[in-house]
Amino acid sequence: MKPIAITEIMTKKPLSVHPKEEISFAVQLMKQNAIHHLPITVGQKVVGIVSMGDLLFLQNCVNQNKDMFLKGTNFQLSALDEIMTKNPICLTNNSFIQDAVLEMQESRINCLPIVDENKNLVGIVTTHDLIQFLGNLYN
């Protein structure tokens, strides 16, 4: 099979937020737009990423430690930079779908921000995008 450019399946111009944005804002944005991964950017540079899984894990921690949370002990999280995965693995926009598959497998991750030659965010590829692409090959 001929290599296919990652730009063929990536979501172009994905939503992103600043690292100082509130966690609750990210949750709302992700729910409203039915997305599971949100790049964190300063300008257009990717500095982090947060997933719905990260947020659900945080919610579970809060729920299991309600006494600590209610007393305000060590649970004063409010900004995304406190919970985001910093310096996430990114691919460049001249990568191929195969590169994304291999990187996701090796790194055990479910999404990859796509950046241009200046390291500016231009897209995102998720496991959902890859499964959709694979499904289209068989239809």
C-alpha atoms as a PDB file:
ATOM      1  CA  MET A   1       0.000   0.000   0.000  1.00  0.00           C
ATOM      2  CA  LYS A   2       1.273   3.450  -0.891  1.00  0.00           C
ATOM      3  CA  PRO A   3       1.987   5.708   2.122  1.00  0.00           C
ATOM      4  CA  ILE A   4      -0.881   8.104   2.831  1.00  0.00           C
ATOM      5  CA  ALA A   5      -0.255  11.554   4.270  1.00  0.00           C
ATOM      6  CA  ILE A   6      -1.437  12.170   7.814  1.00  0.00           C
ATOM      7  CA  THR A   7      -3.114  15.346   6.533  1.00  0.00           C
ATOM      8  CA  GLU A   8      -5.659  13.129   4.741  1.00  0.00           C
ATOM      9  CA  ILE A   9      -7.243  11.971   8.006  1.00  0.00           C
ATOM     10  CA  MET A  10      -6.294  14.565  10.643  1.00  0.00           C
ATOM     11  CA  THR A  11      -8.781  17.014  12.066  1.00  0.00           C
ATOM     12  CA  LYS A  12      -7.585  20.342  10.742  1.00  0.00           C
ATOM     13  CA  LYS A  13      -7.535  23.429  12.974  1.00  0.00           C
ATOM     14  CA  PRO A  14      -8.502  21.568  16.147  1.00  0.00           C
ATOM     15  CA  LEU A  15      -9.811  23.338  19.195  1.00  0.00           C
ATOM     16  CA  SER A  16      -7.114  24.185  21.711  1.00  0.00           C
ATOM     17  CA  VAL A  17      -6.886  26.093  24.966  1.00  0.00           C
ATOM     18  CA  HIS A  18      -4.298  27.974  27.011  1.00  0.00           C
ATOM     19  CA  PRO A  19      -2.635  26.130  29.935  1.00  0.00           C
ATOM     20  CA  LYS A  20      -4.027  28.648  32.443  1.00  0.00           C
ATOM     21  CA  GLU A  21      -7.596  27.992  31.337  1.00  0.00           C
ATOM     22  CA  GLU A  22      -9.798  26.448  34.017  1.00  0.00           C
ATOM     23  CA  ILE A  23     -10.330  22.697  34.040  1.00  0.00           C
ATOM     24  CA  SER A  24     -14.101  23.209  34.099  1.00  0.00           C
ATOM     25  CA  PHE A  25     -13.890  25.213  30.851  1.00  0.00           C
ATOM     26  CA  ALA A  26     -12.035  22.349  29.146  1.00  0.00           C
ATOM     27  CA  VAL A  27     -14.657  19.854  30.329  1.00  0.00           C
ATOM     28  CA  GLN A  28     -17.459  21.997  28.900  1.00  0.00           C
ATOM     29  CA  LEU A  29     -15.607  22.555  25.622  1.00  0.00           C
ATOM     30  CA  MET A  30     -14.975  18.847  25.202  1.00  0.00           C
ATOM     31  CA  LYS A  31     -18.582  17.929  26.013  1.00  0.00           C
ATOM     32  CA  GLN A  32     -20.049  20.590  23.710  1.00  0.00           C
ATOM     33  CA  ASN A  33     -17.850  19.541  20.800  1.00  0.00           C
ATOM     34  CA  ALA A  34     -17.930  15.767  21.456  1.00  0.00           C
ATOM     35  CA  ILE A  35     -14.145  15.484  21.548  1.00  0.00           C
ATOM     36  CA  HIS A  36     -11.934  13.427  23.841  1.00  0.00           C
ATOM     37  CA  HIS A  37      -8.561  15.162  23.424  1.00  0.00           C
ATOM     38  CA  LEU A  38      -7.713  18.821  23.759  1.00  0.00           C
ATOM     39  CA  PRO A  39      -4.322  20.278  22.827  1.00  0.00           C
ATOM     40  CA  ILE A  40      -2.977  22.902  25.217  1.00  0.00           C
ATOM     41  CA  THR A  41      -1.227  25.728  23.403  1.00  0.00           C
ATOM     42  CA  VAL A  42       0.602  28.968  24.040  1.00  0.00           C
ATOM     43  CA  GLY A  43       0.098  30.924  20.867  1.00  0.00           C
ATOM     44  CA  GLN A  44       0.032  28.060  18.386  1.00  0.00           C
ATOM     45  CA  LYS A  45       2.784  26.026  20.103  1.00  0.00           C
ATOM     46  CA  VAL A  46       1.694  22.748  21.690  1.00  0.00           C
ATOM     47  CA  VAL A  47       2.792  22.649  25.334  1.00  0.00           C
ATOM     48  CA  GLY A  48       0.458  19.948  26.597  1.00  0.00           C
ATOM     49  CA  ILE A  49      -2.594  17.830  26.036  1.00  0.00           C
ATOM     50  CA  VAL A  50      -5.518  16.744  28.177  1.00  0.00           C
ATOM     51  CA  SER A  51      -7.899  13.882  27.514  1.00  0.00           C
ATOM     52  CA  MET A  52     -11.365  13.088  28.727  1.00  0.00           C
ATOM     53  CA  GLY A  53      -9.746  10.100  30.436  1.00  0.00           C
ATOM     54  CA  ASP A  54      -7.476  12.460  32.388  1.00  0.00           C
ATOM     55  CA  LEU A  55     -10.513  14.462  33.475  1.00  0.00           C
ATOM     56  CA  LEU A  56     -12.509  11.388  34.448  1.00  0.00           C
ATOM     57  CA  PHE A  57      -9.546  10.119  36.468  1.00  0.00           C
ATOM     58  CA  LEU A  58      -9.343  13.486  38.241  1.00  0.00           C
ATOM     59  CA  GLN A  59     -13.068  13.409  38.939  1.00  0.00           C
ATOM     60  CA  ASN A  60     -12.736   9.911  40.376  1.00  0.00           C
ATOM     61  CA  CYS A  61      -9.885  11.052  42.631  1.00  0.00           C
ATOM     62  CA  VAL A  62     -11.984  13.941  43.865  1.00  0.00           C
ATOM     63  CA  ASN A  63     -14.991  11.686  44.453  1.00  0.00           C
ATOM     64  CA  GLN A  64     -12.913   9.154  46.408  1.00  0.00           C
ATOM     65  CA  ASN A  65     -11.348  11.874  48.526  1.00  0.00           C
ATOM     66  CA  LYS A  66     -14.369  14.078  49.220  1.00  0.00           C
ATOM     67  CA  ASP A  67     -13.270  14.784  52.777  1.00  0.00           C
ATOM     68  CA  MET A  68      -9.892  16.066  51.582  1.00  0.00           C
ATOM     69  CA  PHE A  69     -11.581  17.994  48.786  1.00  0.00           C
ATOM     70  CA  LEU A  70     -14.176  19.583  51.045  1.00  0.00           C
ATOM     71  CA  LYS A  71     -11.504  20.546  53.581  1.00  0.00           C
ATOM     72  CA  GLY A  72      -9.402  22.041  50.794  1.00  0.00           C
ATOM     73  CA  THR A  73      -6.446  19.785  51.530  1.00  0.00           C
ATOM     74  CA  ASN A  74      -4.116  19.449  48.521  1.00  0.00           C
ATOM     75  CA  PHE A  75      -6.950  19.630  46.033  1.00  0.00           C
ATOM     76  CA  GLN A  76      -6.844  23.196  44.852  1.00  0.00           C
ATOM     77  CA  LEU A  77      -6.496  22.264  41.178  1.00  0.00           C
ATOM     78  CA  SER A  78      -8.069  24.731  38.831  1.00  0.00           C
ATOM     79  CA  ALA A  79      -5.860  25.313  35.785  1.00  0.00           C
ATOM     80  CA  LEU A  80      -5.116  22.839  33.006  1.00  0.00           C
ATOM     81  CA  ASP A  81      -1.353  23.205  33.429  1.00  0.00           C
ATOM     82  CA  GLU A  82      -1.737  21.379  36.745  1.00  0.00           C
ATOM     83  CA  ILE A  83      -3.110  18.210  35.149  1.00  0.00           C
ATOM     84  CA  MET A  84      -2.100  18.251  31.474  1.00  0.00           C
ATOM     85  CA  THR A  85       0.460  15.924  29.941  1.00  0.00           C
ATOM     86  CA  LYS A  86       3.341  18.294  29.287  1.00  0.00           C
ATOM     87  CA  ASN A  87       5.325  18.267  26.020  1.00  0.00           C
ATOM     88  CA  PRO A  88       3.214  15.596  24.332  1.00  0.00           C
ATOM     89  CA  ILE A  89       4.517  13.577  21.422  1.00  0.00           C
ATOM     90  CA  CYS A  90       3.637  15.325  18.165  1.00  0.00           C
ATOM     91  CA  LEU A  91       3.983  14.420  14.508  1.00  0.00           C
ATOM     92  CA  THR A  92       4.718  16.843  11.699  1.00  0.00           C
ATOM     93  CA  ASN A  93       2.277  17.483   8.894  1.00  0.00           C
ATOM     94  CA  ASN A  94       4.586  15.701   6.435  1.00  0.00           C
ATOM     95  CA  SER A  95       4.182  12.416   8.349  1.00  0.00           C
ATOM     96  CA  PHE A  96       2.229   9.418   7.124  1.00  0.00           C
ATOM     97  CA  ILE A  97      -0.645   7.455   8.625  1.00  0.00           C
ATOM     98  CA  GLN A  98       1.749   4.578   9.277  1.00  0.00           C
ATOM     99  CA  ASP A  99       3.887   6.923  11.420  1.00  0.00           C
ATOM    100  CA  ALA A 100       0.862   7.732  13.568  1.00  0.00           C
ATOM    101  CA  VAL A 101      -0.081   4.076  14.001  1.00  0.00           C
ATOM    102  CA  LEU A 102       3.435   3.085  15.008  1.00  0.00           C
ATOM    103  CA  GLU A 103       3.848   6.021  17.414  1.00  0.00           C
ATOM    104  CA  MET A 104       0.490   5.394  19.069  1.00  0.00           C
ATOM    105  CA  GLN A 105       1.305   1.686  19.455  1.00  0.00           C
ATOM    106  CA  GLU A 106       4.784   2.247  20.839  1.00  0.00           C
ATOM    107  CA  SER A 107       3.815   5.092  23.155  1.00  0.00           C
ATOM    108  CA  ARG A 108       0.424   3.654  24.154  1.00  0.00           C
ATOM    109  CA  ILE A 109      -1.386   6.909  23.417  1.00  0.00           C
ATOM    110  CA  ASN A 110      -4.688   7.676  21.706  1.00  0.00           C
ATOM    111  CA  CYS A 111      -3.966  10.931  19.944  1.00  0.00           C
ATOM    112  CA  LEU A 112      -1.206  12.925  18.323  1.00  0.00           C
ATOM    113  CA  PRO A 113      -1.159  16.670  17.774  1.00  0.00           C
ATOM    114  CA  ILE A 114       0.087  17.492  14.278  1.00  0.00           C
ATOM    115  CA  VAL A 115       2.424  20.468  13.907  1.00  0.00           C
ATOM    116  CA  ASP A 116       3.949  22.328  10.971  1.00  0.00           C
ATOM    117  CA  GLU A 117       7.618  23.085  10.352  1.00  0.00           C
ATOM    118  CA  ASN A 118       7.400  25.977  12.851  1.00  0.00           C
ATOM    119  CA  LYS A 119       5.934  23.653  15.515  1.00  0.00           C
ATOM    120  CA  ASN A 120       2.522  25.355  15.248  1.00  0.00           C
ATOM    121  CA  LEU A 121      -0.567  23.204  15.826  1.00  0.00           C
ATOM    122  CA  VAL A 122      -2.281  22.417  12.515  1.00  0.00           C
ATOM    123  CA  GLY A 123      -4.223  19.266  13.323  1.00  0.00           C
ATOM    124  CA  ILE A 124      -4.834  16.271  15.527  1.00  0.00           C
ATOM    125  CA  VAL A 125      -5.135  12.542  14.803  1.00  0.00           C
ATOM    126  CA  THR A 126      -6.902  10.168  17.169  1.00  0.00           C
ATOM    127  CA  THR A 127      -7.480   6.439  17.288  1.00  0.00           C
ATOM    128  CA  HIS A 128     -11.027   7.224  16.165  1.00  0.00           C
ATOM    129  CA  ASP A 129      -9.650   8.844  12.990  1.00  0.00           C
ATOM    130  CA  LEU A 130      -7.492   5.785  12.312  1.00  0.00           C
ATOM    131  CA  ILE A 131     -10.375   3.351  12.826  1.00  0.00           C
ATOM    132  CA  GLN A 132     -12.607   5.457  10.587  1.00  0.00           C
ATOM    133  CA  PHE A 133      -9.895   5.426   7.886  1.00  0.00           C
ATOM    134  CA  LEU A 134      -9.512   1.662   8.194  1.00  0.00           C
ATOM    135  CA  GLY A 135     -13.280   1.204   7.996  1.00  0.00           C
ATOM    136  CA  ASN A 136     -13.410   3.279   4.812  1.00  0.00           C
ATOM    137  CA  LEU A 137     -10.830   0.984   3.195  1.00  0.00           C
ATOM    138  CA  TYR A 138     -13.260  -1.918   3.533  1.00  0.00           C
ATOM    139  CA  ASN A 139     -16.378  -0.111   2.297  1.00  0.00           C
END
